[in-house]
Amino acid sequence: MNNKKIIYCRAGGRRCATLLTQIEVESKDPAFNKPTKPIGPVYHKDEA
């Protein structure tokens, strides 16, 4: 199921929108063994 929501807010007097989506993936997909693109920030061991 693909669930989409649009949330409107006021930030600093400007209008903004956020689009949230969900997707279902196969947990046994071999691509999970060697990811090619990070999602989110990458932390050094000392920061983690």
Protein backbone atom coordinates (compact mmCIF):
# COMPACT_ATOMS: atom_id res chain seq x y z
CA MET A 1 0.00 0.00 0.00
CA ASN A 2 1.31 3.44 -0.90
CA ASN A 3 0.36 6.02 1.74
CA LYS A 4 0.90 9.69 0.87
CA LYS A 5 0.18 12.68 3.10
CA ILE A 6 0.87 16.35 2.48
CA ILE A 7 1.49 18.46 5.58
CA TYR A 8 1.44 22.23 5.31
CA CYS A 9 3.14 24.44 7.92
CA ARG A 10 4.32 27.99 8.43
CA ALA A 11 8.07 28.32 9.01
CA GLY A 12 9.53 31.79 9.37
CA GLY A 13 6.50 33.30 7.67
CA ARG A 14 6.96 31.10 4.59
CA ARG A 15 4.72 28.27 3.45
CA CYS A 16 6.24 24.83 3.19
CA ALA A 17 5.00 21.33 2.43
CA THR A 18 6.23 17.87 3.41
CA LEU A 19 5.41 14.76 1.42
CA LEU A 20 5.60 11.48 3.36
CA THR A 21 5.63 8.20 1.47
CA GLN A 22 5.95 4.54 2.36
CA ILE A 23 7.09 1.65 0.23
CA GLU A 24 7.26 -2.07 0.93
CA VAL A 25 10.48 -3.87 0.07
CA GLU A 26 11.57 -7.49 0.14
CA SER A 27 13.73 -8.04 3.25
CA LYS A 28 15.76 -10.74 1.49
CA ASP A 29 16.69 -8.48 -1.45
CA PRO A 30 20.44 -9.01 -2.10
CA ALA A 31 20.90 -5.25 -2.55
CA PHE A 32 20.64 -4.87 1.25
CA ASN A 33 23.91 -6.82 1.64
CA LYS A 34 25.93 -4.11 -0.11
CA PRO A 35 24.16 -0.73 -0.09
CA THR A 36 25.44 1.87 -2.56
CA LYS A 37 23.79 5.04 -1.22
CA PRO A 38 23.61 6.14 2.43
CA ILE A 39 20.29 7.32 3.83
CA GLY A 40 20.68 10.14 6.33
CA PRO A 41 23.85 11.46 7.92
CA VAL A 42 27.04 9.41 8.22
CA TYR A 43 28.68 9.58 11.66
CA HIS A 44 32.31 8.93 12.59
CA LYS A 45 32.77 6.17 15.20
CA ASP A 46 33.53 8.77 17.91
CA GLU A 47 30.26 10.63 17.20
CA ALA A 48 28.00 7.58 17.05
